[in-house]
């Protein structure tokens, strides 16, 4: 079934994606976000487009509660594993041609169910894991900017960095999905094309 996944900041939608709910259990949710799906990403107001770097533009948008949306097309095939009550999701990714790419540890607020689907909020820092098991942090510079601007406080920054460590620990222990358990997974052939529903820009409770 199709669900609306919203990132929400202070009851305003920050980003919106249509996803296919593959499974939901007491342990969490499994979501499919395929290549080519159109979604809405946050963008700074036009007068701030030249503000650099990107983290500065986004931090200013959040601090001043001023942003617009930019429609984008998702560029990978992504199976997202959302453990219940966790501060992260782990994405199993494939390229557009179907070849395996790697994993992506997305640090985010623990998800909540809404009448439209799911809501969470991205917390900037990510962990990229290659197929050979090597890994690196992504967007540390943006996290530093968010901390300096007061978008995230010191306690939350420590929590985010600790969550990155927890993802790496899962990798080193070869816990799912880093154990190859999703290598042969494939979406249903009859799953419909995903589209954002009307009203996606309003935060669902």
N, C-alpha and C. Protein backbone atom coordinates (compact mmCIF):
# COMPACT_ATOMS: atom_id res chain seq x y z
N UNK A 1 0.83 -1.19 0.00
CA UNK A 1 0.00 0.00 0.00
C UNK A 1 0.87 1.25 0.00
N UNK A 2 0.37 2.32 -0.60
CA UNK A 2 1.10 3.57 -0.67
C UNK A 2 0.86 4.38 0.60
N UNK A 3 1.92 4.97 1.13
CA UNK A 3 1.81 5.82 2.31
C UNK A 3 2.57 7.11 2.07
N UNK A 4 2.21 8.13 2.80
CA UNK A 4 2.89 9.41 2.74
C UNK A 4 3.89 9.49 3.89
N UNK A 5 5.15 9.72 3.55
CA UNK A 5 6.19 9.88 4.56
C UNK A 5 6.58 11.36 4.58
N UNK A 6 6.38 11.99 5.72
CA UNK A 6 6.67 13.42 5.86
C UNK A 6 7.79 13.64 6.87
N UNK A 7 8.69 14.54 6.52
CA UNK A 7 9.62 15.09 7.51
C UNK A 7 8.97 16.37 8.01
N UNK A 8 8.89 16.51 9.33
CA UNK A 8 8.14 17.62 9.91
C UNK A 8 9.02 18.36 10.92
N UNK A 9 9.10 19.67 10.76
CA UNK A 9 9.85 20.54 11.66
C UNK A 9 8.89 21.55 12.28
N UNK A 10 8.72 21.46 13.60
CA UNK A 10 7.83 22.37 14.32
C UNK A 10 6.47 22.47 13.64
N UNK A 11 5.92 21.29 13.31
CA UNK A 11 4.59 21.14 12.71
C UNK A 11 4.46 21.72 11.31
N UNK A 12 5.60 21.94 10.64
CA UNK A 12 5.59 22.30 9.23
C UNK A 12 6.29 21.21 8.44
N UNK A 13 5.75 20.88 7.29
CA UNK A 13 6.37 19.85 6.45
C UNK A 13 7.68 20.38 5.88
N UNK A 14 8.72 19.57 6.03
CA UNK A 14 10.06 19.90 5.52
C UNK A 14 10.32 19.14 4.21
N UNK A 15 9.83 17.91 4.14
CA UNK A 15 9.96 17.10 2.93
C UNK A 15 8.83 16.08 2.90
N UNK A 16 8.46 15.65 1.71
CA UNK A 16 7.36 14.70 1.57
C UNK A 16 7.67 13.69 0.47
N UNK A 17 7.45 12.41 0.79
CA UNK A 17 7.74 11.34 -0.16
C UNK A 17 6.60 10.31 -0.15
N UNK A 18 6.19 9.85 -1.32
CA UNK A 18 5.27 8.71 -1.35
C UNK A 18 6.10 7.43 -1.34
N UNK A 19 5.73 6.48 -0.51
CA UNK A 19 6.46 5.22 -0.43
C UNK A 19 5.47 4.05 -0.39
N UNK A 20 5.99 2.88 -0.71
CA UNK A 20 5.19 1.66 -0.62
C UNK A 20 5.50 0.97 0.71
N UNK A 21 4.48 0.76 1.52
CA UNK A 21 4.67 0.06 2.79
C UNK A 21 4.74 -1.44 2.50
N UNK A 22 5.92 -2.00 2.63
CA UNK A 22 6.14 -3.42 2.34
C UNK A 22 5.66 -4.28 3.50
N UNK A 23 5.99 -3.86 4.72
CA UNK A 23 5.63 -4.64 5.90
C UNK A 23 5.69 -3.74 7.12
N UNK A 24 4.90 -4.09 8.12
CA UNK A 24 4.93 -3.38 9.39
C UNK A 24 4.66 -4.38 10.51
N UNK A 25 5.57 -4.43 11.46
CA UNK A 25 5.49 -5.36 12.58
C UNK A 25 5.81 -4.59 13.86
N UNK A 26 5.68 -5.22 15.02
CA UNK A 26 6.10 -4.54 16.26
C UNK A 26 7.56 -4.11 16.24
N UNK A 27 8.38 -4.75 15.38
CA UNK A 27 9.80 -4.40 15.32
C UNK A 27 10.06 -3.16 14.48
N UNK A 28 9.10 -2.77 13.62
CA UNK A 28 9.32 -1.61 12.79
C UNK A 28 8.64 -1.71 11.45
N UNK A 29 9.08 -0.88 10.51
CA UNK A 29 8.45 -0.81 9.19
C UNK A 29 9.49 -1.00 8.10
N UNK A 30 9.02 -1.53 6.97
CA UNK A 30 9.84 -1.73 5.78
C UNK A 30 9.17 -0.96 4.65
N UNK A 31 9.91 -0.02 4.04
CA UNK A 31 9.35 0.88 3.05
C UNK A 31 10.16 0.84 1.76
N UNK A 32 9.47 0.94 0.63
CA UNK A 32 10.11 0.90 -0.68
C UNK A 32 9.95 2.26 -1.36
N UNK A 33 11.09 2.81 -1.80
CA UNK A 33 11.10 4.12 -2.46
C UNK A 33 11.89 3.96 -3.77
N UNK A 34 11.19 3.73 -4.89
CA UNK A 34 11.88 3.37 -6.13
C UNK A 34 12.41 4.55 -6.94
N UNK A 35 13.37 4.20 -7.78
CA UNK A 35 13.96 5.15 -8.73
C UNK A 35 12.86 5.80 -9.57
N UNK A 36 12.99 7.10 -9.77
CA UNK A 36 12.04 7.81 -10.61
C UNK A 36 10.86 8.40 -9.88
N UNK A 37 10.68 8.06 -8.60
CA UNK A 37 9.55 8.60 -7.84
C UNK A 37 9.76 10.09 -7.59
N UNK A 38 8.73 10.87 -7.84
CA UNK A 38 8.81 12.31 -7.64
C UNK A 38 8.41 12.65 -6.20
N UNK A 39 9.20 13.52 -5.58
CA UNK A 39 8.98 13.88 -4.19
C UNK A 39 9.28 15.36 -4.00
N UNK A 40 8.96 15.88 -2.83
CA UNK A 40 9.16 17.30 -2.55
C UNK A 40 10.26 17.49 -1.52
N UNK A 41 11.29 18.24 -1.92
CA UNK A 41 12.44 18.52 -1.05
C UNK A 41 12.41 19.98 -0.62
N UNK A 42 13.01 20.29 0.52
CA UNK A 42 13.05 21.69 0.95
C UNK A 42 14.08 22.47 0.16
N UNK A 43 13.79 23.74 -0.03
CA UNK A 43 14.73 24.63 -0.72
C UNK A 43 14.66 26.01 -0.05
N UNK A 44 15.82 26.66 -0.01
CA UNK A 44 15.86 28.01 0.56
C UNK A 44 15.14 28.98 -0.36
N UNK A 45 14.66 30.07 0.20
CA UNK A 45 14.03 31.11 -0.61
C UNK A 45 15.02 31.65 -1.63
N UNK A 46 14.50 32.16 -2.73
CA UNK A 46 15.35 32.57 -3.85
C UNK A 46 16.39 33.61 -3.43
N UNK A 47 16.05 34.47 -2.49
CA UNK A 47 17.01 35.51 -2.09
C UNK A 47 18.20 34.92 -1.33
N UNK A 48 18.08 33.65 -0.92
CA UNK A 48 19.18 33.03 -0.18
C UNK A 48 19.90 31.97 -1.00
N UNK A 49 19.56 31.84 -2.27
CA UNK A 49 20.14 30.76 -3.07
C UNK A 49 21.66 30.88 -3.20
N UNK A 50 22.18 32.09 -3.07
CA UNK A 50 23.63 32.26 -3.20
C UNK A 50 24.36 32.11 -1.86
N UNK A 51 23.60 31.95 -0.80
CA UNK A 51 24.23 31.74 0.50
C UNK A 51 24.92 30.39 0.49
N UNK A 52 26.18 30.37 0.85
CA UNK A 52 26.94 29.13 0.79
C UNK A 52 27.58 28.88 2.14
N UNK A 53 27.81 27.61 2.49
CA UNK A 53 27.45 26.40 1.74
C UNK A 53 25.98 26.03 1.93
N UNK A 54 25.61 24.85 1.38
CA UNK A 54 24.23 24.37 1.44
C UNK A 54 23.71 24.32 2.88
N UNK A 55 24.57 23.86 3.80
CA UNK A 55 24.16 23.76 5.20
C UNK A 55 23.74 25.11 5.78
N UNK A 56 24.41 26.17 5.36
CA UNK A 56 24.04 27.50 5.83
C UNK A 56 22.65 27.88 5.35
N UNK A 57 22.35 27.55 4.08
CA UNK A 57 21.03 27.89 3.54
C UNK A 57 19.93 27.14 4.29
N UNK A 58 20.14 25.84 4.52
CA UNK A 58 19.11 25.05 5.18
C UNK A 58 18.96 25.45 6.65
N UNK A 59 20.08 25.72 7.32
CA UNK A 59 20.00 26.13 8.72
C UNK A 59 19.25 27.45 8.85
N UNK A 60 19.50 28.38 7.94
CA UNK A 60 18.79 29.66 7.96
C UNK A 60 17.30 29.44 7.73
N UNK A 61 16.97 28.56 6.78
CA UNK A 61 15.56 28.28 6.50
C UNK A 61 14.84 27.73 7.72
N UNK A 62 15.49 26.80 8.43
CA UNK A 62 14.87 26.22 9.61
C UNK A 62 14.77 27.23 10.75
N UNK A 63 15.83 27.99 10.94
CA UNK A 63 15.83 28.95 12.04
C UNK A 63 14.76 30.02 11.86
N UNK A 64 14.59 30.47 10.61
CA UNK A 64 13.63 31.52 10.32
C UNK A 64 12.28 30.98 9.87
N UNK A 65 12.17 29.65 9.79
CA UNK A 65 10.93 29.00 9.39
C UNK A 65 10.44 29.49 8.03
N UNK A 66 11.37 29.64 7.10
CA UNK A 66 11.05 30.09 5.76
C UNK A 66 11.71 29.17 4.74
N UNK A 67 10.90 28.40 4.04
CA UNK A 67 11.44 27.58 2.94
C UNK A 67 10.33 27.31 1.94
N UNK A 68 10.75 26.89 0.77
CA UNK A 68 9.81 26.49 -0.27
C UNK A 68 10.13 25.05 -0.64
N UNK A 69 9.34 24.49 -1.55
CA UNK A 69 9.56 23.10 -1.96
C UNK A 69 10.06 23.04 -3.40
N UNK A 70 10.88 22.06 -3.65
CA UNK A 70 11.39 21.81 -5.01
C UNK A 70 11.09 20.35 -5.34
N UNK A 71 10.36 20.11 -6.41
CA UNK A 71 10.07 18.74 -6.81
C UNK A 71 11.32 18.09 -7.36
N UNK A 72 11.61 16.88 -6.90
CA UNK A 72 12.78 16.15 -7.36
C UNK A 72 12.39 14.73 -7.73
N UNK A 73 13.29 14.08 -8.45
CA UNK A 73 13.07 12.69 -8.85
C UNK A 73 14.13 11.83 -8.16
N UNK A 74 13.67 10.81 -7.44
CA UNK A 74 14.59 9.96 -6.68
C UNK A 74 15.49 9.19 -7.64
N UNK A 75 16.79 9.13 -7.33
CA UNK A 75 17.74 8.61 -8.31
C UNK A 75 18.27 7.22 -8.01
N UNK A 76 17.73 6.55 -6.99
CA UNK A 76 18.12 5.17 -6.71
C UNK A 76 16.87 4.36 -6.39
N UNK A 77 17.04 3.04 -6.28
CA UNK A 77 15.99 2.18 -5.72
C UNK A 77 16.37 1.89 -4.28
N UNK A 78 15.44 2.16 -3.37
CA UNK A 78 15.79 2.13 -1.95
C UNK A 78 14.77 1.37 -1.12
N UNK A 79 15.24 0.33 -0.44
CA UNK A 79 14.43 -0.38 0.54
C UNK A 79 14.83 0.15 1.90
N UNK A 80 13.91 0.78 2.59
CA UNK A 80 14.24 1.45 3.85
C UNK A 80 13.74 0.64 5.04
N UNK A 81 14.65 0.35 5.95
CA UNK A 81 14.35 -0.42 7.16
C UNK A 81 14.29 0.57 8.32
N UNK A 82 13.10 0.71 8.90
CA UNK A 82 12.88 1.65 9.99
C UNK A 82 12.62 0.88 11.28
N UNK A 83 13.63 0.67 12.10
CA UNK A 83 13.38 0.00 13.39
C UNK A 83 12.53 0.88 14.31
N UNK A 84 11.59 0.27 14.98
CA UNK A 84 10.72 1.04 15.89
C UNK A 84 11.54 1.67 17.02
N UNK A 85 11.26 2.91 17.32
CA UNK A 85 11.88 3.68 18.40
C UNK A 85 13.35 3.99 18.16
N UNK A 86 13.88 3.64 17.00
CA UNK A 86 15.29 3.93 16.70
C UNK A 86 15.44 5.34 16.14
N UNK A 87 16.62 5.89 16.30
CA UNK A 87 16.94 7.21 15.78
C UNK A 87 17.62 7.11 14.41
N UNK A 88 17.32 6.07 13.69
CA UNK A 88 17.91 5.91 12.36
C UNK A 88 17.07 4.97 11.52
N UNK A 89 17.29 5.03 10.23
CA UNK A 89 16.79 4.03 9.28
C UNK A 89 17.99 3.57 8.48
N UNK A 90 17.95 2.34 8.02
CA UNK A 90 19.02 1.83 7.17
C UNK A 90 18.42 1.51 5.81
N UNK A 91 19.02 2.08 4.78
CA UNK A 91 18.54 1.88 3.43
C UNK A 91 19.42 0.88 2.69
N UNK A 92 18.77 -0.07 2.05
CA UNK A 92 19.46 -0.98 1.13
C UNK A 92 19.24 -0.38 -0.26
N UNK A 93 20.32 -0.11 -0.99
CA UNK A 93 20.17 0.65 -2.23
C UNK A 93 20.64 -0.12 -3.46
N UNK A 94 19.92 0.13 -4.55
CA UNK A 94 20.26 -0.41 -5.87
C UNK A 94 20.34 0.75 -6.85
N UNK A 95 21.20 0.64 -7.83
CA UNK A 95 21.24 1.63 -8.90
C UNK A 95 20.01 1.46 -9.80
N UNK A 96 19.84 2.42 -10.70
CA UNK A 96 18.69 2.38 -11.60
C UNK A 96 18.68 1.13 -12.47
N UNK A 97 19.87 0.59 -12.77
CA UNK A 97 19.94 -0.61 -13.61
C UNK A 97 19.72 -1.90 -12.83
N UNK A 98 19.47 -1.79 -11.54
CA UNK A 98 19.20 -2.96 -10.71
C UNK A 98 20.41 -3.53 -9.99
N UNK A 99 21.60 -3.02 -10.27
CA UNK A 99 22.79 -3.53 -9.59
C UNK A 99 22.86 -2.97 -8.17
N UNK A 100 23.38 -3.78 -7.25
CA UNK A 100 23.47 -3.35 -5.85
C UNK A 100 24.47 -2.22 -5.70
N UNK A 101 24.14 -1.27 -4.86
CA UNK A 101 24.99 -0.12 -4.64
C UNK A 101 25.67 -0.19 -3.28
N UNK A 102 24.87 -0.31 -2.23
CA UNK A 102 25.44 -0.33 -0.89
C UNK A 102 24.35 -0.06 0.13
N UNK A 103 24.74 0.57 1.25
CA UNK A 103 23.80 0.88 2.32
C UNK A 103 23.94 2.35 2.72
N UNK A 104 22.88 2.85 3.32
CA UNK A 104 22.87 4.25 3.75
C UNK A 104 22.21 4.31 5.12
N UNK A 105 22.95 4.75 6.11
CA UNK A 105 22.39 4.91 7.44
C UNK A 105 21.90 6.34 7.60
N UNK A 106 20.59 6.50 7.60
CA UNK A 106 19.98 7.83 7.69
C UNK A 106 19.57 8.11 9.14
N UNK A 107 20.21 9.07 9.75
CA UNK A 107 19.90 9.39 11.14
C UNK A 107 18.72 10.36 11.16
N UNK A 108 17.69 10.01 11.93
CA UNK A 108 16.43 10.73 11.92
C UNK A 108 15.73 10.57 13.25
N UNK A 109 14.73 11.41 13.49
CA UNK A 109 13.92 11.22 14.70
C UNK A 109 13.18 9.90 14.63
N UNK A 110 12.94 9.24 15.77
CA UNK A 110 12.12 8.02 15.76
C UNK A 110 10.79 8.31 15.08
N UNK A 111 10.39 7.41 14.21
CA UNK A 111 9.18 7.67 13.43
C UNK A 111 7.92 7.55 14.28
N UNK A 112 6.89 8.24 13.82
CA UNK A 112 5.56 8.13 14.41
C UNK A 112 4.59 7.83 13.29
N UNK A 113 3.60 7.03 13.60
CA UNK A 113 2.53 6.77 12.64
C UNK A 113 1.60 7.97 12.58
N UNK A 114 1.11 8.29 11.40
CA UNK A 114 0.13 9.36 11.24
C UNK A 114 -1.06 8.82 10.45
N UNK A 115 -2.10 9.61 10.34
CA UNK A 115 -3.26 9.15 9.56
C UNK A 115 -2.93 9.03 8.08
N UNK A 116 -1.85 9.69 7.63
CA UNK A 116 -1.44 9.62 6.22
C UNK A 116 -0.36 8.57 5.97
N UNK A 117 0.35 8.20 7.02
CA UNK A 117 1.45 7.26 6.86
C UNK A 117 2.45 7.35 8.00
N UNK A 118 3.56 8.07 7.76
CA UNK A 118 4.62 8.17 8.75
C UNK A 118 5.16 9.60 8.79
N UNK A 119 5.68 9.97 9.96
CA UNK A 119 6.36 11.25 10.08
C UNK A 119 7.64 11.08 10.88
N UNK A 120 8.65 11.85 10.51
CA UNK A 120 9.95 11.83 11.17
C UNK A 120 10.62 13.16 10.85
N UNK A 121 11.92 13.27 11.08
CA UNK A 121 12.69 14.44 10.67
C UNK A 121 14.14 14.03 10.53
N UNK A 122 14.71 14.34 9.39
CA UNK A 122 16.12 14.04 9.13
C UNK A 122 17.00 14.84 10.09
N UNK A 123 18.07 14.20 10.58
CA UNK A 123 18.98 14.85 11.53
C UNK A 123 20.38 15.03 10.96
N UNK A 124 20.45 15.24 9.67
CA UNK A 124 21.61 15.75 8.93
C UNK A 124 22.70 14.70 8.71
N UNK A 125 23.25 14.12 9.76
CA UNK A 125 24.40 13.22 9.62
C UNK A 125 23.96 11.86 9.08
N UNK A 126 24.77 11.29 8.19
CA UNK A 126 24.48 9.99 7.59
C UNK A 126 25.73 9.12 7.58
N UNK A 127 25.52 7.81 7.42
CA UNK A 127 26.62 6.85 7.31
C UNK A 127 26.47 6.13 5.97
N UNK A 128 27.47 6.27 5.12
CA UNK A 128 27.47 5.57 3.83
C UNK A 128 28.32 4.31 3.97
N UNK A 129 27.74 3.17 3.59
CA UNK A 129 28.43 1.88 3.70
C UNK A 129 28.54 1.27 2.32
N UNK A 130 29.76 0.99 1.90
CA UNK A 130 29.99 0.36 0.60
C UNK A 130 29.79 -1.15 0.71
N UNK A 131 29.69 -1.80 -0.45
CA UNK A 131 29.47 -3.25 -0.45
C UNK A 131 30.64 -4.02 0.15
N UNK A 132 31.84 -3.44 0.13
CA UNK A 132 33.00 -4.12 0.71
C UNK A 132 33.09 -3.92 2.23
N UNK A 133 32.11 -3.22 2.81
CA UNK A 133 32.10 -3.02 4.25
C UNK A 133 32.76 -1.74 4.72
N UNK A 134 33.42 -1.03 3.82
CA UNK A 134 34.01 0.25 4.22
C UNK A 134 32.90 1.28 4.41
N UNK A 135 33.16 2.27 5.23
CA UNK A 135 32.12 3.24 5.53
C UNK A 135 32.73 4.63 5.74
N UNK A 136 31.87 5.62 5.64
CA UNK A 136 32.29 7.01 5.89
C UNK A 136 31.07 7.81 6.34
N UNK A 137 31.33 8.87 7.07
CA UNK A 137 30.27 9.77 7.48
C UNK A 137 30.00 10.79 6.38
N UNK A 138 28.76 11.19 6.26
CA UNK A 138 28.35 12.18 5.26
C UNK A 138 27.69 13.36 5.98
N UNK A 139 28.00 14.55 5.53
CA UNK A 139 27.40 15.80 6.01
C UNK A 139 27.79 16.17 7.44
N UNK A 140 29.02 15.79 7.85
CA UNK A 140 29.50 16.26 9.15
C UNK A 140 29.59 17.78 9.18
N UNK A 141 29.95 18.37 8.04
CA UNK A 141 30.06 19.82 7.97
C UNK A 141 28.71 20.49 8.20
N UNK A 142 27.64 19.89 7.65
CA UNK A 142 26.32 20.47 7.84
C UNK A 142 25.85 20.32 9.28
N UNK A 143 26.18 19.19 9.91
CA UNK A 143 25.82 19.03 11.32
C UNK A 143 26.51 20.09 12.16
N UNK A 144 27.78 20.39 11.86
CA UNK A 144 28.51 21.42 12.60
C UNK A 144 27.84 22.79 12.42
N UNK A 145 27.38 23.07 11.21
CA UNK A 145 26.69 24.33 10.95
C UNK A 145 25.37 24.40 11.73
N UNK A 146 24.62 23.29 11.70
CA UNK A 146 23.35 23.25 12.43
C UNK A 146 23.57 23.45 13.93
N UNK A 147 24.66 22.87 14.45
CA UNK A 147 24.97 23.03 15.88
C UNK A 147 25.37 24.47 16.17
N UNK A 148 26.19 25.06 15.31
CA UNK A 148 26.63 26.43 15.53
C UNK A 148 25.47 27.42 15.44
N UNK A 149 24.49 27.12 14.61
CA UNK A 149 23.34 28.00 14.44
C UNK A 149 22.25 27.74 15.48
N UNK A 150 22.43 26.71 16.32
CA UNK A 150 21.46 26.41 17.35
C UNK A 150 20.25 25.62 16.87
N UNK A 151 20.33 25.07 15.67
CA UNK A 151 19.24 24.24 15.17
C UNK A 151 19.20 22.92 15.95
N UNK A 152 20.38 22.38 16.23
CA UNK A 152 20.48 21.22 17.13
C UNK A 152 21.33 21.65 18.32
N UNK A 153 20.90 21.27 19.53
CA UNK A 153 21.69 21.62 20.71
C UNK A 153 22.77 20.57 20.94
N UNK A 154 23.59 20.79 21.94
CA UNK A 154 24.73 19.89 22.16
C UNK A 154 24.28 18.48 22.50
N UNK A 155 23.20 18.38 23.26
CA UNK A 155 22.72 17.05 23.62
C UNK A 155 22.25 16.29 22.38
N UNK A 156 21.52 16.96 21.50
CA UNK A 156 21.05 16.30 20.29
C UNK A 156 22.21 15.98 19.36
N UNK A 157 23.19 16.86 19.29
CA UNK A 157 24.36 16.58 18.46
C UNK A 157 25.08 15.33 18.95
N UNK A 158 25.24 15.20 20.27
CA UNK A 158 25.87 13.99 20.82
C UNK A 158 25.03 12.76 20.48
N UNK A 159 23.71 12.90 20.57
CA UNK A 159 22.83 11.77 20.24
C UNK A 159 22.98 11.35 18.79
N UNK A 160 23.06 12.32 17.91
CA UNK A 160 23.22 12.03 16.48
C UNK A 160 24.54 11.32 16.22
N UNK A 161 25.62 11.82 16.79
CA UNK A 161 26.92 11.18 16.58
C UNK A 161 26.95 9.79 17.21
N UNK A 162 26.29 9.64 18.34
CA UNK A 162 26.21 8.32 18.96
C UNK A 162 25.42 7.34 18.10
N UNK A 163 24.41 7.84 17.41
CA UNK A 163 23.61 6.98 16.53
C UNK A 163 24.45 6.52 15.34
N UNK A 164 25.31 7.39 14.84
CA UNK A 164 26.22 6.99 13.77
C UNK A 164 27.13 5.86 14.25
N UNK A 165 27.62 5.97 15.47
CA UNK A 165 28.45 4.91 16.05
C UNK A 165 27.66 3.60 16.16
N UNK A 166 26.38 3.70 16.51
CA UNK A 166 25.55 2.50 16.66
C UNK A 166 25.35 1.80 15.31
N UNK A 167 25.20 2.59 14.24
CA UNK A 167 25.06 2.00 12.90
C UNK A 167 26.34 1.27 12.52
N UNK A 168 27.47 1.89 12.78
CA UNK A 168 28.76 1.24 12.47
C UNK A 168 28.93 -0.03 13.29
N UNK A 169 28.48 -0.02 14.54
CA UNK A 169 28.57 -1.22 15.38
C UNK A 169 27.71 -2.35 14.79
N UNK A 170 26.53 -2.02 14.27
CA UNK A 170 25.70 -3.03 13.61
C UNK A 170 26.43 -3.63 12.41
N UNK A 171 27.07 -2.75 11.66
CA UNK A 171 27.84 -3.20 10.49
C UNK A 171 28.95 -4.16 10.92
N UNK A 172 29.69 -3.81 11.95
CA UNK A 172 30.82 -4.63 12.38
C UNK A 172 30.36 -5.96 12.97
N UNK A 173 29.14 -6.01 13.53
CA UNK A 173 28.59 -7.27 14.05
C UNK A 173 27.84 -8.05 12.98
N UNK A 174 27.78 -7.48 11.77
CA UNK A 174 27.08 -8.10 10.63
C UNK A 174 25.63 -8.41 10.96
N UNK A 175 24.98 -7.45 11.61
CA UNK A 175 23.56 -7.57 11.88
C UNK A 175 22.77 -7.17 10.64
N UNK A 176 21.52 -7.65 10.52
CA UNK A 176 20.70 -7.25 9.37
C UNK A 176 20.60 -5.72 9.30
N UNK A 177 20.67 -5.18 8.09
CA UNK A 177 20.74 -5.84 6.78
C UNK A 177 22.15 -6.09 6.28
N UNK A 178 23.15 -5.88 7.16
CA UNK A 178 24.54 -6.00 6.73
C UNK A 178 25.00 -7.45 6.62
N UNK A 179 24.10 -8.39 6.86
CA UNK A 179 24.42 -9.82 6.79
C UNK A 179 24.02 -10.44 5.45
N UNK A 180 23.60 -9.61 4.50
CA UNK A 180 23.19 -10.12 3.20
C UNK A 180 21.76 -10.60 3.13
N UNK A 181 20.98 -10.33 4.18
CA UNK A 181 19.63 -10.87 4.25
C UNK A 181 18.67 -10.28 3.21
N UNK A 182 19.03 -9.17 2.60
CA UNK A 182 18.14 -8.55 1.61
C UNK A 182 18.73 -8.61 0.19
N UNK A 183 19.78 -9.38 0.01
CA UNK A 183 20.44 -9.41 -1.30
C UNK A 183 19.51 -9.86 -2.41
N UNK A 184 18.61 -10.78 -2.14
CA UNK A 184 17.72 -11.31 -3.18
C UNK A 184 16.33 -10.69 -3.13
N UNK A 185 16.16 -9.67 -2.34
CA UNK A 185 14.85 -9.05 -2.24
C UNK A 185 14.49 -8.33 -3.53
N UNK A 186 13.22 -8.33 -3.89
CA UNK A 186 12.76 -7.61 -5.08
C UNK A 186 11.35 -7.09 -4.83
N UNK A 187 11.01 -5.94 -5.40
CA UNK A 187 9.65 -5.40 -5.22
C UNK A 187 8.64 -6.21 -6.03
N UNK A 188 7.38 -6.07 -5.68
CA UNK A 188 6.34 -6.76 -6.41
C UNK A 188 6.20 -6.21 -7.83
N UNK A 189 6.02 -7.08 -8.78
CA UNK A 189 5.91 -6.64 -10.17
C UNK A 189 4.66 -5.80 -10.42
N UNK A 190 3.65 -5.97 -9.59
CA UNK A 190 2.38 -5.26 -9.80
C UNK A 190 2.23 -4.04 -8.89
N UNK A 191 3.30 -3.65 -8.20
CA UNK A 191 3.19 -2.48 -7.35
C UNK A 191 3.01 -1.23 -8.20
N UNK A 192 2.06 -0.36 -7.85
CA UNK A 192 1.76 0.80 -8.70
C UNK A 192 2.83 1.89 -8.59
N UNK A 193 2.82 2.77 -9.58
CA UNK A 193 3.67 3.95 -9.53
C UNK A 193 3.23 4.83 -8.37
N UNK A 194 4.19 5.36 -7.64
CA UNK A 194 3.89 6.15 -6.45
C UNK A 194 3.74 7.62 -6.80
N UNK A 195 2.73 8.25 -6.22
CA UNK A 195 2.51 9.68 -6.40
C UNK A 195 2.12 10.30 -5.06
N UNK A 196 2.54 11.53 -4.86
CA UNK A 196 2.14 12.25 -3.66
C UNK A 196 0.64 12.53 -3.67
N UNK A 197 -0.02 12.34 -2.55
CA UNK A 197 -1.45 12.64 -2.50
C UNK A 197 -1.70 14.14 -2.36
N UNK A 198 -2.90 14.54 -2.64
CA UNK A 198 -3.28 15.93 -2.38
C UNK A 198 -3.14 16.22 -0.89
N UNK A 199 -2.70 17.41 -0.58
CA UNK A 199 -2.55 17.80 0.81
C UNK A 199 -1.25 17.37 1.45
N UNK A 200 -0.30 16.89 0.64
CA UNK A 200 0.97 16.41 1.19
C UNK A 200 1.70 17.48 1.97
N UNK A 201 1.42 18.77 1.64
CA UNK A 201 2.16 19.88 2.26
C UNK A 201 1.67 20.21 3.66
N UNK A 202 0.60 19.55 4.11
CA UNK A 202 0.07 19.78 5.45
C UNK A 202 0.50 18.63 6.36
N UNK A 203 1.06 18.95 7.50
CA UNK A 203 1.57 17.93 8.42
C UNK A 203 0.41 17.07 8.95
N UNK A 204 0.53 15.76 8.76
CA UNK A 204 -0.47 14.84 9.27
C UNK A 204 -0.13 14.44 10.70
N UNK A 205 -1.16 14.24 11.50
CA UNK A 205 -0.97 13.79 12.87
C UNK A 205 -1.39 12.32 12.97
